[in-house]
Amino acid sequence: MSGGGGRGINPGRLKKRITIMRYQDTENSLGNLVSQLLPYKTVYAEIRPVRGKEYQEYYKDTNSLEYKITIRFLPDLQPADVLVYHEKQFLINSIINVEEQGYIQEIMCTEKLQDKKAEVIAGGS
């Protein structure tokens, strides 16, 4: 299927446009430094659900879905980053450099289906 040392990925798989959000310190109107989630980069990805689960957190029923998101290798991707696709926010659990080739990354993420989403600041890209 892929020639050339196994470095092939079908570019048709990466058809979802996601935004990588990163926490950055900014100054608020009072002059205090606050950490805000701001757009960092936009990349193409494949998003596949892996599993869903229900559990109880703080005496409330909570749902979460786990996803595997595949992107081209991005050396500065950080576990604290948040991935956004449409209205969904994905918290990064782990970042896997597939076969240590530095070509593609598989990102294991969790989307919480509750109102515990990080605050996204609109604008920029």
PDB file of N, CA and C in Angstrom:
ATOM      1  N   MET A   1       0.817  -1.187   0.000  1.00  0.00           N
ATOM      2  CA  MET A   1       0.000   0.000   0.000  1.00  0.00           C
ATOM      3  C   MET A   1       0.864   1.255   0.000  1.00  0.00           C
ATOM      4  N   SER A   2       1.815   1.366   0.896  1.00  0.00           N
ATOM      5  CA  SER A   2       2.689   2.538   0.894  1.00  0.00           C
ATOM      6  C   SER A   2       4.100   2.079   0.587  1.00  0.00           C
ATOM      7  N   GLY A   3       4.730   2.763  -0.336  1.00  0.00           N
ATOM      8  CA  GLY A   3       6.097   2.428  -0.670  1.00  0.00           C
ATOM      9  C   GLY A   3       7.036   3.392   0.014  1.00  0.00           C
ATOM     10  N   GLY A   4       8.291   3.336  -0.338  1.00  0.00           N
ATOM     11  CA  GLY A   4       9.256   4.299   0.175  1.00  0.00           C
ATOM     12  C   GLY A   4       9.498   4.225   1.660  1.00  0.00           C
ATOM     13  N   GLY A   5       9.661   3.029   2.210  1.00  0.00           N
ATOM     14  CA  GLY A   5      10.042   2.903   3.609  1.00  0.00           C
ATOM     15  C   GLY A   5       8.908   3.080   4.597  1.00  0.00           C
ATOM     16  N   GLY A   6       7.668   2.927   4.152  1.00  0.00           N
ATOM     17  CA  GLY A   6       6.555   2.975   5.088  1.00  0.00           C
ATOM     18  C   GLY A   6       6.169   4.373   5.542  1.00  0.00           C
ATOM     19  N   ARG A   7       6.688   5.399   4.849  1.00  0.00           N
ATOM     20  CA  ARG A   7       6.401   6.772   5.281  1.00  0.00           C
ATOM     21  C   ARG A   7       5.132   7.316   4.658  1.00  0.00           C
ATOM     22  N   GLY A   8       4.348   6.486   3.991  1.00  0.00           N
ATOM     23  CA  GLY A   8       3.174   6.988   3.293  1.00  0.00           C
ATOM     24  C   GLY A   8       1.953   7.089   4.176  1.00  0.00           C
ATOM     25  N   ILE A   9       1.192   8.133   3.940  1.00  0.00           N
ATOM     26  CA  ILE A   9      -0.135   8.254   4.528  1.00  0.00           C
ATOM     27  C   ILE A   9      -1.017   8.800   3.418  1.00  0.00           C
ATOM     28  N   ASN A  10      -2.177   8.237   3.289  1.00  0.00           N
ATOM     29  CA  ASN A  10      -3.107   8.694   2.274  1.00  0.00           C
ATOM     30  C   ASN A  10      -3.599  10.084   2.670  1.00  0.00           C
ATOM     31  N   PRO A  11      -3.261  11.129   1.899  1.00  0.00           N
ATOM     32  CA  PRO A  11      -3.667  12.478   2.290  1.00  0.00           C
ATOM     33  C   PRO A  11      -5.180  12.654   2.335  1.00  0.00           C
ATOM     34  N   GLY A  12      -5.922  11.794   1.670  1.00  0.00           N
ATOM     35  CA  GLY A  12      -7.378  11.854   1.718  1.00  0.00           C
ATOM     36  C   GLY A  12      -7.935  11.529   3.096  1.00  0.00           C
ATOM     37  N   ARG A  13      -7.145  10.864   3.928  1.00  0.00           N
ATOM     38  CA  ARG A  13      -7.583  10.559   5.300  1.00  0.00           C
ATOM     39  C   ARG A  13      -7.645  11.816   6.157  1.00  0.00           C
ATOM     40  N   LEU A  14      -6.776  12.776   5.883  1.00  0.00           N
ATOM     41  CA  LEU A  14      -6.678  13.983   6.713  1.00  0.00           C
ATOM     42  C   LEU A  14      -7.577  15.064   6.117  1.00  0.00           C
ATOM     43  N   LYS A  15      -8.884  14.903   6.301  1.00  0.00           N
ATOM     44  CA  LYS A  15      -9.815  15.832   5.653  1.00  0.00           C
ATOM     45  C   LYS A  15     -10.594  16.714   6.616  1.00  0.00           C
ATOM     46  N   LYS A  16     -10.363  16.591   7.906  1.00  0.00           N
ATOM     47  CA  LYS A  16     -11.020  17.443   8.899  1.00  0.00           C
ATOM     48  C   LYS A  16     -10.052  18.553   9.298  1.00  0.00           C
ATOM     49  N   ARG A  17     -10.519  19.776   9.257  1.00  0.00           N
ATOM     50  CA  ARG A  17      -9.673  20.921   9.612  1.00  0.00           C
ATOM     51  C   ARG A  17      -9.861  21.224  11.097  1.00  0.00           C
ATOM     52  N   ILE A  18      -8.795  21.055  11.872  1.00  0.00           N
ATOM     53  CA  ILE A  18      -8.872  21.298  13.315  1.00  0.00           C
ATOM     54  C   ILE A  18      -7.974  22.477  13.693  1.00  0.00           C
ATOM     55  N   THR A  19      -8.321  23.108  14.795  1.00  0.00           N
ATOM     56  CA  THR A  19      -7.513  24.210  15.314  1.00  0.00           C
ATOM     57  C   THR A  19      -6.859  23.756  16.609  1.00  0.00           C
ATOM     58  N   ILE A  20      -5.561  23.969  16.691  1.00  0.00           N
ATOM     59  CA  ILE A  20      -4.825  23.682  17.920  1.00  0.00           C
ATOM     60  C   ILE A  20      -4.847  24.962  18.746  1.00  0.00           C
ATOM     61  N   MET A  21      -5.377  24.852  19.958  1.00  0.00           N
ATOM     62  CA  MET A  21      -5.464  25.994  20.865  1.00  0.00           C
ATOM     63  C   MET A  21      -4.378  25.826  21.926  1.00  0.00           C
ATOM     64  N   ARG A  22      -3.770  26.926  22.322  1.00  0.00           N
ATOM     65  CA  ARG A  22      -2.689  26.869  23.309  1.00  0.00           C
ATOM     66  C   ARG A  22      -2.918  27.927  24.384  1.00  0.00           C
ATOM     67  N   TYR A  23      -2.654  27.539  25.633  1.00  0.00           N
ATOM     68  CA  TYR A  23      -2.752  28.496  26.737  1.00  0.00           C
ATOM     69  C   TYR A  23      -1.591  29.485  26.644  1.00  0.00           C
ATOM     70  N   GLN A  24      -1.938  30.771  26.679  1.00  0.00           N
ATOM     71  CA  GLN A  24      -0.929  31.825  26.639  1.00  0.00           C
ATOM     72  C   GLN A  24      -1.267  32.861  27.701  1.00  0.00           C
ATOM     73  N   ASP A  25      -0.229  33.397  28.321  1.00  0.00           N
ATOM     74  CA  ASP A  25      -0.437  34.450  29.317  1.00  0.00           C
ATOM     75  C   ASP A  25      -0.677  35.770  28.599  1.00  0.00           C
ATOM     76  N   THR A  26      -1.800  36.412  28.924  1.00  0.00           N
ATOM     77  CA  THR A  26      -2.130  37.719  28.367  1.00  0.00           C
ATOM     78  C   THR A  26      -2.522  38.644  29.510  1.00  0.00           C
ATOM     79  N   GLU A  27      -2.490  39.917  29.235  1.00  0.00           N
ATOM     80  CA  GLU A  27      -2.830  40.903  30.255  1.00  0.00           C
ATOM     81  C   GLU A  27      -4.303  41.268  30.122  1.00  0.00           C
ATOM     82  N   ASN A  28      -5.033  41.225  31.235  1.00  0.00           N
ATOM     83  CA  ASN A  28      -6.449  41.601  31.190  1.00  0.00           C
ATOM     84  C   ASN A  28      -6.596  43.110  31.367  1.00  0.00           C
ATOM     85  N   SER A  29      -7.839  43.595  31.411  1.00  0.00           N
ATOM     86  CA  SER A  29      -8.099  45.039  31.489  1.00  0.00           C
ATOM     87  C   SER A  29      -7.589  45.665  32.791  1.00  0.00           C
ATOM     88  N   LEU A  30      -7.369  44.843  33.810  1.00  0.00           N
ATOM     89  CA  LEU A  30      -6.847  45.356  35.082  1.00  0.00           C
ATOM     90  C   LEU A  30      -5.324  45.297  35.161  1.00  0.00           C
ATOM     91  N   GLY A  31      -4.691  44.799  34.100  1.00  0.00           N
ATOM     92  CA  GLY A  31      -3.240  44.708  34.080  1.00  0.00           C
ATOM     93  C   GLY A  31      -2.689  43.431  34.684  1.00  0.00           C
ATOM     94  N   ASN A  32      -3.567  42.479  35.029  1.00  0.00           N
ATOM     95  CA  ASN A  32      -3.124  41.202  35.594  1.00  0.00           C
ATOM     96  C   ASN A  32      -2.861  40.197  34.479  1.00  0.00           C
ATOM     97  N   LEU A  33      -1.885  39.334  34.699  1.00  0.00           N
ATOM     98  CA  LEU A  33      -1.632  38.262  33.740  1.00  0.00           C
ATOM     99  C   LEU A  33      -2.636  37.143  33.964  1.00  0.00           C
ATOM    100  N   VAL A  34      -3.302  36.742  32.890  1.00  0.00           N
ATOM    101  CA  VAL A  34      -4.243  35.625  32.952  1.00  0.00           C
ATOM    102  C   VAL A  34      -3.898  34.658  31.829  1.00  0.00           C
ATOM    103  N   SER A  35      -4.148  33.394  32.063  1.00  0.00           N
ATOM    104  CA  SER A  35      -3.885  32.365  31.067  1.00  0.00           C
ATOM    105  C   SER A  35      -5.148  32.161  30.237  1.00  0.00           C
ATOM    106  N   GLN A  36      -5.038  32.376  28.924  1.00  0.00           N
ATOM    107  CA  GLN A  36      -6.178  32.219  28.026  1.00  0.00           C
ATOM    108  C   GLN A  36      -5.849  31.209  26.948  1.00  0.00           C
ATOM    109  N   LEU A  37      -6.883  30.532  26.477  1.00  0.00           N
ATOM    110  CA  LEU A  37      -6.744  29.563  25.400  1.00  0.00           C
ATOM    111  C   LEU A  37      -6.935  30.295  24.078  1.00  0.00           C
ATOM    112  N   LEU A  38      -5.857  30.385  23.286  1.00  0.00           N
ATOM    113  CA  LEU A  38      -5.886  31.137  22.034  1.00  0.00           C
ATOM    114  C   LEU A  38      -5.526  30.234  20.859  1.00  0.00           C
ATOM    115  N   PRO A  39      -6.026  30.541  19.658  1.00  0.00           N
ATOM    116  CA  PRO A  39      -5.677  29.741  18.479  1.00  0.00           C
ATOM    117  C   PRO A  39      -4.169  29.762  18.245  1.00  0.00           C
ATOM    118  N   TYR A  40      -3.598  28.586  17.941  1.00  0.00           N
ATOM    119  CA  TYR A  40      -2.163  28.469  17.719  1.00  0.00           C
ATOM    120  C   TYR A  40      -1.867  28.090  16.267  1.00  0.00           C
ATOM    121  N   LYS A  41      -2.468  26.974  15.808  1.00  0.00           N
ATOM    122  CA  LYS A  41      -2.268  26.508  14.433  1.00  0.00           C
ATOM    123  C   LYS A  41      -3.524  25.809  13.955  1.00  0.00           C
ATOM    124  N   THR A  42      -3.707  25.795  12.644  1.00  0.00           N
ATOM    125  CA  THR A  42      -4.793  25.030  12.041  1.00  0.00           C
ATOM    126  C   THR A  42      -4.163  23.970  11.145  1.00  0.00           C
ATOM    127  N   VAL A  43      -4.585  22.718  11.314  1.00  0.00           N
ATOM    128  CA  VAL A  43      -4.029  21.600  10.550  1.00  0.00           C
ATOM    129  C   VAL A  43      -5.162  20.687  10.093  1.00  0.00           C
ATOM    130  N   TYR A  44      -4.838  19.796   9.161  1.00  0.00           N
ATOM    131  CA  TYR A  44      -5.806  18.798   8.716  1.00  0.00           C
ATOM    132  C   TYR A  44      -5.573  17.503   9.477  1.00  0.00           C
ATOM    133  N   ALA A  45      -6.676  16.801   9.767  1.00  0.00           N
ATOM    134  CA  ALA A  45      -6.592  15.620  10.622  1.00  0.00           C
ATOM    135  C   ALA A  45      -7.643  14.590  10.241  1.00  0.00           C
ATOM    136  N   GLU A  46      -7.431  13.387  10.743  1.00  0.00           N
ATOM    137  CA  GLU A  46      -8.445  12.337  10.721  1.00  0.00           C
ATOM    138  C   GLU A  46      -8.905  12.171  12.164  1.00  0.00           C
ATOM    139  N   ILE A  47     -10.220  12.154  12.377  1.00  0.00           N
ATOM    140  CA  ILE A  47     -10.775  12.031  13.728  1.00  0.00           C
ATOM    141  C   ILE A  47     -11.596  10.756  13.785  1.00  0.00           C
ATOM    142  N   ARG A  48     -11.205   9.837  14.682  1.00  0.00           N
ATOM    143  CA  ARG A  48     -11.931   8.568  14.816  1.00  0.00           C
ATOM    144  C   ARG A  48     -12.271   8.313  16.275  1.00  0.00           C
ATOM    145  N   PRO A  49     -13.560   8.057  16.556  1.00  0.00           N
ATOM    146  CA  PRO A  49     -13.923   7.709  17.933  1.00  0.00           C
ATOM    147  C   PRO A  49     -13.348   6.346  18.303  1.00  0.00           C
ATOM    148  N   VAL A  50     -12.878   6.221  19.535  1.00  0.00           N
ATOM    149  CA  VAL A  50     -12.302   4.963  20.011  1.00  0.00           C
ATOM    150  C   VAL A  50     -13.255   4.278  20.976  1.00  0.00           C
ATOM    151  N   ARG A  51     -13.732   5.024  21.988  1.00  0.00           N
ATOM    152  CA  ARG A  51     -14.693   4.448  22.942  1.00  0.00           C
ATOM    153  C   ARG A  51     -15.385   5.561  23.704  1.00  0.00           C
ATOM    154  N   GLY A  52     -16.506   5.204  24.286  1.00  0.00           N
ATOM    155  CA  GLY A  52     -17.241   6.137  25.128  1.00  0.00           C
ATOM    156  C   GLY A  52     -17.446   5.511  26.493  1.00  0.00           C
ATOM    157  N   LYS A  53     -17.600   6.345  27.509  1.00  0.00           N
ATOM    158  CA  LYS A  53     -17.843   5.795  28.841  1.00  0.00           C
ATOM    159  C   LYS A  53     -18.668   6.772  29.661  1.00  0.00           C
ATOM    160  N   GLU A  54     -19.344   6.212  30.620  1.00  0.00           N
ATOM    161  CA  GLU A  54     -20.110   7.005  31.572  1.00  0.00           C
ATOM    162  C   GLU A  54     -19.514   6.766  32.948  1.00  0.00           C
ATOM    163  N   TYR A  55     -19.460   7.813  33.749  1.00  0.00           N
ATOM    164  CA  TYR A  55     -18.957   7.677  35.110  1.00  0.00           C
ATOM    165  C   TYR A  55     -19.583   8.768  35.957  1.00  0.00           C
ATOM    166  N   GLN A  56     -19.326   8.675  37.235  1.00  0.00           N
ATOM    167  CA  GLN A  56     -19.891   9.662  38.143  1.00  0.00           C
ATOM    168  C   GLN A  56     -18.772  10.560  38.657  1.00  0.00           C
ATOM    169  N   GLU A  57     -18.973  11.868  38.526  1.00  0.00           N
ATOM    170  CA  GLU A  57     -17.984  12.836  38.973  1.00  0.00           C
ATOM    171  C   GLU A  57     -18.714  13.897  39.779  1.00  0.00           C
ATOM    172  N   TYR A  58     -18.292  14.085  41.005  1.00  0.00           N
ATOM    173  CA  TYR A  58     -18.942  15.050  41.902  1.00  0.00           C
ATOM    174  C   TYR A  58     -20.447  14.804  41.974  1.00  0.00           C
ATOM    175  N   TYR A  59     -20.814  13.547  42.089  1.00  0.00           N
ATOM    176  CA  TYR A  59     -22.205  13.117  42.248  1.00  0.00           C
ATOM    177  C   TYR A  59     -23.085  13.469  41.047  1.00  0.00           C
ATOM    178  N   LYS A  60     -22.471  13.668  39.895  1.00  0.00           N
ATOM    179  CA  LYS A  60     -23.223  13.905  38.670  1.00  0.00           C
ATOM    180  C   LYS A  60     -22.801  12.863  37.651  1.00  0.00           C
ATOM    181  N   ASP A  61     -23.765  12.370  36.879  1.00  0.00           N
ATOM    182  CA  ASP A  61     -23.416  11.457  35.802  1.00  0.00           C
ATOM    183  C   ASP A  61     -22.715  12.246  34.699  1.00  0.00           C
ATOM    184  N   THR A  62     -21.599  11.721  34.241  1.00  0.00           N
ATOM    185  CA  THR A  62     -20.786  12.390  33.234  1.00  0.00           C
ATOM    186  C   THR A  62     -20.466  11.400  32.124  1.00  0.00           C
ATOM    187  N   ASN A  63     -20.431  11.895  30.905  1.00  0.00           N
ATOM    188  CA  ASN A  63     -20.059  11.071  29.761  1.00  0.00           C
ATOM    189  C   ASN A  63     -18.757  11.593  29.191  1.00  0.00           C
ATOM    190  N   SER A  64     -17.986  10.705  28.622  1.00  0.00           N
ATOM    191  CA  SER A  64     -16.811  11.148  27.881  1.00  0.00           C
ATOM    192  C   SER A  64     -16.620  10.215  26.697  1.00  0.00           C
ATOM    193  N   LEU A  65     -16.099  10.771  25.635  1.00  0.00           N
ATOM    194  CA  LEU A  65     -15.775  10.000  24.449  1.00  0.00           C
ATOM    195  C   LEU A  65     -14.283  10.119  24.217  1.00  0.00           C
ATOM    196  N   GLU A  66     -13.666   9.002  23.850  1.00  0.00           N
ATOM    197  CA  GLU A  66     -12.242   9.019  23.551  1.00  0.00           C
ATOM    198  C   GLU A  66     -12.062   8.913  22.049  1.00  0.00           C
ATOM    199  N   TYR A  67     -11.126   9.685  21.524  1.00  0.00           N
ATOM    200  CA  TYR A  67     -10.872   9.756  20.092  1.00  0.00           C
ATOM    201  C   TYR A  67      -9.398   9.541  19.803  1.00  0.00           C
ATOM    202  N   LYS A  68      -9.131   9.057  18.586  1.00  0.00           N
ATOM    203  CA  LYS A  68      -7.765   9.033  18.062  1.00  0.00           C
ATOM    204  C   LYS A  68      -7.749  10.021  16.904  1.00  0.00           C
ATOM    205  N   ILE A  69      -6.919  11.040  17.020  1.00  0.00           N
ATOM    206  CA  ILE A  69      -6.805  12.068  15.992  1.00  0.00           C
ATOM    207  C   ILE A  69      -5.424  11.937  15.363  1.00  0.00           C
ATOM    208  N   THR A  70      -5.394  11.782  14.044  1.00  0.00           N
ATOM    209  CA  THR A  70      -4.142  11.614  13.314  1.00  0.00           C
ATOM    210  C   THR A  70      -3.841  12.894  12.544  1.00  0.00           C
ATOM    211  N   ILE A  71      -2.618  13.406  12.692  1.00  0.00           N
ATOM    212  CA  ILE A  71      -2.175  14.598  11.962  1.00  0.00           C
ATOM    213  C   ILE A  71      -0.768  14.348  11.429  1.00  0.00           C
ATOM    214  N   ARG A  72      -0.333  15.210  10.517  1.00  0.00           N
ATOM    215  CA  ARG A  72       1.074  15.170  10.120  1.00  0.00           C
ATOM    216  C   ARG A  72       1.906  15.591  11.330  1.00  0.00           C
ATOM    217  N   PHE A  73       3.141  15.121  11.390  1.00  0.00           N
ATOM    218  CA  PHE A  73       4.002  15.356  12.548  1.00  0.00           C
ATOM    219  C   PHE A  73       4.142  16.850  12.831  1.00  0.00           C
ATOM    220  N   LEU A  74       3.945  17.212  14.067  1.00  0.00           N
ATOM    221  CA  LEU A  74       4.060  18.593  14.524  1.00  0.00           C
ATOM    222  C   LEU A  74       4.941  18.572  15.771  1.00  0.00           C
ATOM    223  N   PRO A  75       6.232  18.906  15.641  1.00  0.00           N
ATOM    224  CA  PRO A  75       7.169  18.715  16.755  1.00  0.00           C
ATOM    225  C   PRO A  75       6.855  19.523  18.005  1.00  0.00           C
ATOM    226  N   ASP A  76       6.150  20.648  17.859  1.00  0.00           N
ATOM    227  CA  ASP A  76       5.899  21.482  19.038  1.00  0.00           C
ATOM    228  C   ASP A  76       4.518  21.278  19.647  1.00  0.00           C
ATOM    229  N   LEU A  77       3.809  20.216  19.266  1.00  0.00           N
ATOM    230  CA  LEU A  77       2.518  19.914  19.881  1.00  0.00           C
ATOM    231  C   LEU A  77       2.744  19.542  21.345  1.00  0.00           C
ATOM    232  N   GLN A  78       1.925  20.090  22.242  1.00  0.00           N
ATOM    233  CA  GLN A  78       2.104  19.880  23.677  1.00  0.00           C
ATOM    234  C   GLN A  78       0.873  19.214  24.282  1.00  0.00           C
ATOM    235  N   PRO A  79       1.060  18.388  25.306  1.00  0.00           N
ATOM    236  CA  PRO A  79      -0.085  17.738  25.963  1.00  0.00           C
ATOM    237  C   PRO A  79      -1.088  18.726  26.563  1.00  0.00           C
ATOM    238  N   ALA A  80      -0.670  19.946  26.865  1.00  0.00           N
ATOM    239  CA  ALA A  80      -1.589  20.939  27.435  1.00  0.00           C
ATOM    240  C   ALA A  80      -2.440  21.627  26.368  1.00  0.00           C
ATOM    241  N   ASP A  81      -2.117  21.418  25.080  1.00  0.00           N
ATOM    242  CA  ASP A  81      -2.897  22.023  24.003  1.00  0.00           C
ATOM    243  C   ASP A  81      -4.298  21.419  23.968  1.00  0.00           C
ATOM    244  N   VAL A  82      -5.223  22.140  23.380  1.00  0.00           N
ATOM    245  CA  VAL A  82      -6.599  21.678  23.210  1.00  0.00           C
ATOM    246  C   VAL A  82      -6.896  21.697  21.718  1.00  0.00           C
ATOM    247  N   LEU A  83      -7.470  20.605  21.203  1.00  0.00           N
ATOM    248  CA  LEU A  83      -7.823  20.530  19.791  1.00  0.00           C
ATOM    249  C   LEU A  83      -9.299  20.858  19.640  1.00  0.00           C
ATOM    250  N   VAL A  84      -9.637  21.657  18.624  1.00  0.00           N
ATOM    251  CA  VAL A  84     -11.022  22.073  18.416  1.00  0.00           C
ATOM    252  C   VAL A  84     -11.436  21.713  16.995  1.00  0.00           C
ATOM    253  N   TYR A  85     -12.578  21.023  16.894  1.00  0.00           N
ATOM    254  CA  TYR A  85     -13.184  20.719  15.597  1.00  0.00           C
ATOM    255  C   TYR A  85     -14.652  21.100  15.695  1.00  0.00           C
ATOM    256  N   HIS A  86     -15.054  22.090  14.926  1.00  0.00           N
ATOM    257  CA  HIS A  86     -16.396  22.680  15.028  1.00  0.00           C
ATOM    258  C   HIS A  86     -16.632  23.094  16.480  1.00  0.00           C
ATOM    259  N   GLU A  87     -17.659  22.599  17.112  1.00  0.00           N
ATOM    260  CA  GLU A  87     -17.953  22.986  18.501  1.00  0.00           C
ATOM    261  C   GLU A  87     -17.348  22.016  19.518  1.00  0.00           C
ATOM    262  N   LYS A  88     -16.644  20.997  19.047  1.00  0.00           N
ATOM    263  CA  LYS A  88     -16.084  19.990  19.954  1.00  0.00           C
ATOM    264  C   LYS A  88     -14.676  20.379  20.379  1.00  0.00           C
ATOM    265  N   GLN A  89     -14.388  20.173  21.669  1.00  0.00           N
ATOM    266  CA  GLN A  89     -13.050  20.395  22.201  1.00  0.00           C
ATOM    267  C   GLN A  89     -12.492  19.070  22.693  1.00  0.00           C
ATOM    268  N   PHE A  90     -11.249  18.795  22.329  1.00  0.00           N
ATOM    269  CA  PHE A  90     -10.604  17.538  22.679  1.00  0.00           C
ATOM    270  C   PHE A  90      -9.395  17.824  23.563  1.00  0.00           C
ATOM    271  N   LEU A  91      -9.372  17.202  24.745  1.00  0.00           N
ATOM    272  CA  LEU A  91      -8.246  17.326  25.666  1.00  0.00           C
ATOM    273  C   LEU A  91      -7.268  16.200  25.363  1.00  0.00           C
ATOM    274  N   ILE A  92      -5.997  16.527  25.239  1.00  0.00           N
ATOM    275  CA  ILE A  92      -4.982  15.549  24.841  1.00  0.00           C
ATOM    276  C   ILE A  92      -4.598  14.667  26.022  1.00  0.00           C
ATOM    277  N   ASN A  93      -4.686  13.338  25.812  1.00  0.00           N
ATOM    278  CA  ASN A  93      -4.234  12.361  26.807  1.00  0.00           C
ATOM    279  C   ASN A  93      -2.803  11.925  26.520  1.00  0.00           C
ATOM    280  N   SER A  94      -2.494  11.684  25.241  1.00  0.00           N
ATOM    281  CA  SER A  94      -1.140  11.273  24.866  1.00  0.00           C
ATOM    282  C   SER A  94      -0.891  11.603  23.403  1.00  0.00           C
ATOM    283  N   ILE A  95       0.386  11.788  23.076  1.00  0.00           N
ATOM    284  CA  ILE A  95       0.810  12.088  21.711  1.00  0.00           C
ATOM    285  C   ILE A  95       1.786  10.994  21.298  1.00  0.00           C
ATOM    286  N   ILE A  96       1.471  10.290  20.217  1.00  0.00           N
ATOM    287  CA  ILE A  96       2.287   9.162  19.776  1.00  0.00           C
ATOM    288  C   ILE A  96       2.940   9.500  18.441  1.00  0.00           C
ATOM    289  N   ASN A  97       4.273   9.442  18.392  1.00  0.00           N
ATOM    290  CA  ASN A  97       5.024   9.593  17.152  1.00  0.00           C
ATOM    291  C   ASN A  97       5.052   8.207  16.511  1.00  0.00           C
ATOM    292  N   VAL A  98       4.186   7.971  15.533  1.00  0.00           N
ATOM    293  CA  VAL A  98       3.990   6.641  14.963  1.00  0.00           C
ATOM    294  C   VAL A  98       5.304   6.098  14.409  1.00  0.00           C
ATOM    295  N   GLU A  99       5.683   4.933  14.893  1.00  0.00           N
ATOM    296  CA  GLU A  99       6.913   4.230  14.507  1.00  0.00           C
ATOM    297  C   GLU A  99       8.158   5.107  14.643  1.00  0.00           C
ATOM    298  N   GLU A 100       8.087   6.145  15.494  1.00  0.00           N
ATOM    299  CA  GLU A 100       9.215   7.056  15.746  1.00  0.00           C
ATOM    300  C   GLU A 100       9.810   7.601  14.450  1.00  0.00           C
ATOM    301  N   GLN A 101       8.951   7.822  13.433  1.00  0.00           N
ATOM    302  CA  GLN A 101       9.445   8.291  12.139  1.00  0.00           C
ATOM    303  C   GLN A 101       9.415   9.803  11.989  1.00  0.00           C
ATOM    304  N   GLY A 102       8.702  10.499  12.862  1.00  0.00           N
ATOM    305  CA  GLY A 102       8.598  11.945  12.719  1.00  0.00           C
ATOM    306  C   GLY A 102       7.799  12.338  11.489  1.00  0.00           C
ATOM    307  N   TYR A 103       6.822  11.500  11.130  1.00  0.00           N
ATOM    308  CA  TYR A 103       6.036  11.749   9.928  1.00  0.00           C
ATOM    309  C   TYR A 103       4.567  12.023  10.242  1.00  0.00           C
ATOM    310  N   ILE A 104       3.974  11.158  11.071  1.00  0.00           N
ATOM    311  CA  ILE A 104       2.599  11.389  11.516  1.00  0.00           C
ATOM    312  C   ILE A 104       2.523  11.192  13.029  1.00  0.00           C
ATOM    313  N   GLN A 105       1.490  11.781  13.622  1.00  0.00           N
ATOM    314  CA  GLN A 105       1.258  11.628  15.054  1.00  0.00           C
ATOM    315  C   GLN A 105      -0.168  11.155  15.267  1.00  0.00           C
ATOM    316  N   GLU A 106      -0.324  10.265  16.224  1.00  0.00           N
ATOM    317  CA  GLU A 106      -1.645   9.862  16.679  1.00  0.00           C
ATOM    318  C   GLU A 106      -1.829  10.476  18.055  1.00  0.00           C
ATOM    319  N   ILE A 107      -2.915  11.211  18.211  1.00  0.00           N
ATOM    320  CA  ILE A 107      -3.182  11.919  19.458  1.00  0.00           C
ATOM    321  C   ILE A 107      -4.403  11.282  20.093  1.00  0.00           C
ATOM    322  N   MET A 108      -4.233  10.719  21.273  1.00  0.00           N
ATOM    323  CA  MET A 108      -5.361  10.144  22.001  1.00  0.00           C
ATOM    324  C   MET A 108      -5.974  11.271  22.828  1.00  0.00           C
ATOM    325  N   CYS A 109      -7.274  11.509  22.607  1.00  0.00           N
ATOM    326  CA  CYS A 109      -7.955  12.656  23.219  1.00  0.00           C
ATOM    327  C   CYS A 109      -9.248  12.233  23.886  1.00  0.00           C
ATOM    328  N   THR A 110      -9.728  13.084  24.770  1.00  0.00           N
ATOM    329  CA  THR A 110     -11.024  12.897  25.414  1.00  0.00           C
ATOM    330  C   THR A 110     -11.871  14.131  25.162  1.00  0.00           C
ATOM    331  N   GLU A 111     -13.104  13.889  24.738  1.00  0.00           N
ATOM    332  CA  GLU A 111     -14.080  14.970  24.642  1.00  0.00           C
ATOM    333  C   GLU A 111     -15.066  14.765  25.772  1.00  0.00           C
ATOM    334  N   LYS A 112     -15.123  15.715  26.690  1.00  0.00           N
ATOM    335  CA  LYS A 112     -16.095  15.594  27.777  1.00  0.00           C
ATOM    336  C   LYS A 112     -17.425  16.141  27.299  1.00  0.00           C
ATOM    337  N   LEU A 113     -18.466  15.380  27.511  1.00  0.00           N
ATOM    338  CA  LEU A 113     -19.795  15.769  27.062  1.00  0.00           C
ATOM    339  C   LEU A 113     -20.564  16.428  28.189  1.00  0.00           C
ATOM    340  N   GLN A 114     -19.941  17.388  28.823  1.00  0.00           N
ATOM    341  CA  GLN A 114     -20.529  18.115  29.936  1.00  0.00           C
ATOM    342  C   GLN A 114     -20.089  19.559  29.778  1.00  0.00           C
ATOM    343  N   ASP A 115     -20.522  20.430  30.629  1.00  0.00           N
ATOM    344  CA  ASP A 115     -20.174  21.842  30.487  1.00  0.00           C
ATOM    345  C   ASP A 115     -18.809  22.174  31.095  1.00  0.00           C
ATOM    346  N   LYS A 116     -17.862  21.229  31.036  1.00  0.00           N
ATOM    347  CA  LYS A 116     -16.525  21.444  31.598  1.00  0.00           C
ATOM    348  C   LYS A 116     -15.516  21.673  30.484  1.00  0.00           C
ATOM    349  N   LYS A 117     -15.870  22.483  29.502  1.00  0.00           N
ATOM    350  CA  LYS A 117     -14.970  22.743  28.393  1.00  0.00           C
ATOM    351  C   LYS A 117     -14.083  23.933  28.726  1.00  0.00           C
ATOM    352  N   ALA A 118     -12.913  23.937  28.144  1.00  0.00           N
ATOM    353  CA  ALA A 118     -12.012  25.070  28.324  1.00  0.00           C
ATOM    354  C   ALA A 118     -12.601  26.273  27.587  1.00  0.00           C
ATOM    355  N   GLU A 119     -12.320  27.452  28.086  1.00  0.00           N
ATOM    356  CA  GLU A 119     -12.862  28.656  27.462  1.00  0.00           C
ATOM    357  C   GLU A 119     -12.015  29.029  26.257  1.00  0.00           C
ATOM    358  N   VAL A 120     -12.650  29.045  25.085  1.00  0.00           N
ATOM    359  CA  VAL A 120     -11.955  29.359  23.845  1.00  0.00           C
ATOM    360  C   VAL A 120     -12.184  30.824  23.513  1.00  0.00           C
ATOM    361  N   ILE A 121     -11.114  31.526  23.207  1.00  0.00           N
ATOM    362  CA  ILE A 121     -11.202  32.924  22.806  1.00  0.00           C
ATOM    363  C   ILE A 121     -11.275  32.958  21.286  1.00  0.00           C
ATOM    364  N   ALA A 122     -12.326  33.538  20.743  1.00  0.00           N
ATOM    365  CA  ALA A 122     -12.532  33.575  19.296  1.00  0.00           C
ATOM    366  C   ALA A 122     -11.547  34.528  18.644  1.00  0.00           C
ATOM    367  N   GLY A 123     -11.263  34.222  17.367  1.00  0.00           N
ATOM    368  CA  GLY A 123     -10.421  35.110  16.574  1.00  0.00           C
ATOM    369  C   GLY A 123      -9.057  34.517  16.331  1.00  0.00           C
ATOM    370  N   GLY A 124      -8.381  35.039  15.317  1.00  0.00           N
ATOM    371  CA  GLY A 124      -7.026  34.600  14.998  1.00  0.00           C
ATOM    372  C   GLY A 124      -6.987  33.199  14.449  1.00  0.00           C
ATOM    373  N   SER A 125      -5.812  32.801  13.927  1.00  0.00           N
ATOM    374  CA  SER A 125      -5.665  31.448  13.404  1.00  0.00           C
ATOM    375  C   SER A 125      -4.230  31.017  13.350  1.00  0.00           C
TER     376      SER A 125
END
